[in-house]
Structure formats: C-alpha cells, structure tokens
C-alpha atoms as a PDB file:
ATOM      1  CA  MET A   1      -6.187  -5.155  -3.637  1.00  0.00           C
ATOM      2  CA  LEU A   2      -5.406  -7.387  -0.711  1.00  0.00           C
ATOM      3  CA  ILE A   3      -5.772 -11.132  -0.552  1.00  0.00           C
ATOM      4  CA  PRO A   4      -8.861 -12.078   1.489  1.00  0.00           C
ATOM      5  CA  VAL A   5      -8.337 -13.781   4.833  1.00  0.00           C
ATOM      6  CA  ARG A   6     -10.490 -16.736   3.793  1.00  0.00           C
ATOM      7  CA  CYS A   7     -11.503 -18.256   0.484  1.00  0.00           C
ATOM      8  CA  PHE A   8     -14.875 -16.864  -0.576  1.00  0.00           C
ATOM      9  CA  SER A   9     -16.216 -20.273  -1.586  1.00  0.00           C
ATOM     10  CA  CYS A  10     -15.006 -22.808   0.972  1.00  0.00           C
ATOM     11  CA  GLY A  11     -13.876 -20.622   3.892  1.00  0.00           C
ATOM     12  CA  LYS A  12     -10.346 -22.021   4.153  1.00  0.00           C
ATOM     13  CA  PRO A  13      -7.837 -19.519   5.624  1.00  0.00           C
ATOM     14  CA  ILE A  14      -5.473 -18.515   2.804  1.00  0.00           C
ATOM     15  CA  ALA A  15      -4.079 -15.042   3.580  1.00  0.00           C
ATOM     16  CA  HIS A  16      -1.108 -16.363   5.555  1.00  0.00           C
ATOM     17  CA  LEU A  17       0.116 -18.237   2.442  1.00  0.00           C
ATOM     18  CA  TRP A  18       0.119 -15.231   0.081  1.00  0.00           C
ATOM     19  CA  LYS A  19       3.558 -13.859   1.022  1.00  0.00           C
ATOM     20  CA  GLN A  20       5.261 -17.247   0.573  1.00  0.00           C
ATOM     21  CA  PHE A  21       3.473 -17.809  -2.729  1.00  0.00           C
ATOM     22  CA  LYS A  22       4.401 -14.401  -4.076  1.00  0.00           C
ATOM     23  CA  GLU A  23       8.079 -14.733  -3.101  1.00  0.00           C
ATOM     24  CA  ARG A  24       8.481 -18.228  -4.515  1.00  0.00           C
ATOM     25  CA  VAL A  25       6.811 -17.375  -7.827  1.00  0.00           C
ATOM     26  CA  ALA A  26       8.969 -14.246  -8.100  1.00  0.00           C
ATOM     27  CA  ASN A  27      12.037 -16.481  -7.674  1.00  0.00           C
ATOM     28  CA  GLY A  28      11.010 -18.473 -10.733  1.00  0.00           C
ATOM     29  CA  GLU A  29       9.118 -21.454  -9.330  1.00  0.00           C
ATOM     30  CA  GLU A  30       6.038 -22.723 -11.136  1.00  0.00           C
ATOM     31  CA  ALA A  31       2.811 -21.365  -9.598  1.00  0.00           C
ATOM     32  CA  GLY A  32       0.972 -24.703  -9.693  1.00  0.00           C
ATOM     33  CA  LYS A  33       3.777 -26.524  -7.909  1.00  0.00           C
ATOM     34  CA  VAL A  34       4.001 -23.829  -5.228  1.00  0.00           C
ATOM     35  CA  MET A  35       0.253 -23.997  -4.576  1.00  0.00           C
ATOM     36  CA  ASP A  36       0.434 -27.789  -4.271  1.00  0.00           C
ATOM     37  CA  GLU A  37       3.240 -27.536  -1.725  1.00  0.00           C
ATOM     38  CA  LEU A  38       1.387 -24.862   0.270  1.00  0.00           C
ATOM     39  CA  GLY A  39      -1.677 -27.109   0.495  1.00  0.00           C
ATOM     40  CA  LEU A  40      -3.954 -25.217  -1.887  1.00  0.00           C
ATOM     41  CA  GLU A  41      -5.679 -28.151  -3.552  1.00  0.00           C
ATOM     42  CA  ARG A  42      -9.203 -26.843  -4.127  1.00  0.00           C
ATOM     43  CA  TYR A  43      -9.945 -24.969  -7.326  1.00  0.00           C
ATOM     44  CA  CYS A  44     -11.684 -22.162  -5.462  1.00  0.00           C
ATOM     45  CA  CYS A  45      -8.615 -21.427  -3.306  1.00  0.00           C
ATOM     46  CA  ARG A  46      -6.259 -21.677  -6.261  1.00  0.00           C
ATOM     47  CA  SER A  47      -8.385 -19.245  -8.251  1.00  0.00           C
ATOM     48  CA  MET A  48      -8.132 -16.713  -5.412  1.00  0.00           C
ATOM     49  CA  PHE A  49      -4.342 -16.764  -5.785  1.00  0.00           C
ATOM     50  CA  MET A  50      -4.255 -16.839  -9.579  1.00  0.00           C
ATOM     51  CA  GLY A  51      -6.757 -13.989  -9.883  1.00  0.00           C
ATOM     52  CA  GLN A  52      -5.057 -11.754  -7.332  1.00  0.00           C
ATOM     53  CA  GLU A  53      -3.232  -8.659  -8.539  1.00  0.00           C
ATOM     54  CA  ASP A  54      -1.177  -6.572  -6.123  1.00  0.00           C
ATOM     55  CA  TYR A  55      -2.328  -2.975  -6.627  1.00  0.00           C
ATOM     56  CA  ILE A  56      -1.299  -1.548  -3.242  1.00  0.00           C
ATOM     57  CA  ASP A  57       1.825   0.151  -4.666  1.00  0.00           C
ATOM     58  CA  LEU A  58      -0.223   1.777  -7.427  1.00  0.00           C
ATOM     59  CA  VAL A  59      -2.900   3.010  -5.016  1.00  0.00           C
ATOM     60  CA  ASN A  60      -0.306   4.471  -2.631  1.00  0.00           C
ATOM     61  CA  LYS A  61       0.832   6.904  -5.345  1.00  0.00           C
ATOM     62  CA  PHE A  62      -2.424   8.862  -5.178  1.00  0.00           C
ATOM     63  CA  LYS A  63      -3.066  11.651  -2.699  1.00  0.00           C
ATOM     64  CA  LYS A  64      -5.324  10.904   0.236  1.00  0.00           C
ATOM     65  CA  PHE A  65      -7.834  13.502   1.382  1.00  0.00           C
END
C-alpha cells in the first residue's frame, strides 16, 4: 500500500521521492525521465516505483473494527 522507506534490494532511501514522482507523472511527464531526474538509476529502485500501486484510498472505504 505504501512505498517502503528503503529499496528492498540495495537499501537506498526512496520514500521521500514518491510524492514528487507521483505528481510529475500525473502531470503527463514520462516515468523513466522523472526517475532519471530524481536519481533513481538502479533497476531495483526503479522497479519499486513502477510496481507500486496506491491503494490507501480504496482501503479507507472499509469499516475499521
């Protein structure tokens, strides 16, 4: 649901870049170019961003006990 603080493979901190990435891609920029500019060069870090799906809004709809 939430982006991990660090990349699972290499340990690089990546969570602080998620908001910028999400906003820029939503504005129509190419995902690969945005990741290059944010400094995500390793395949493991890039896969964390490309495989991430934001489900927090969906989960918030359900009742909590």
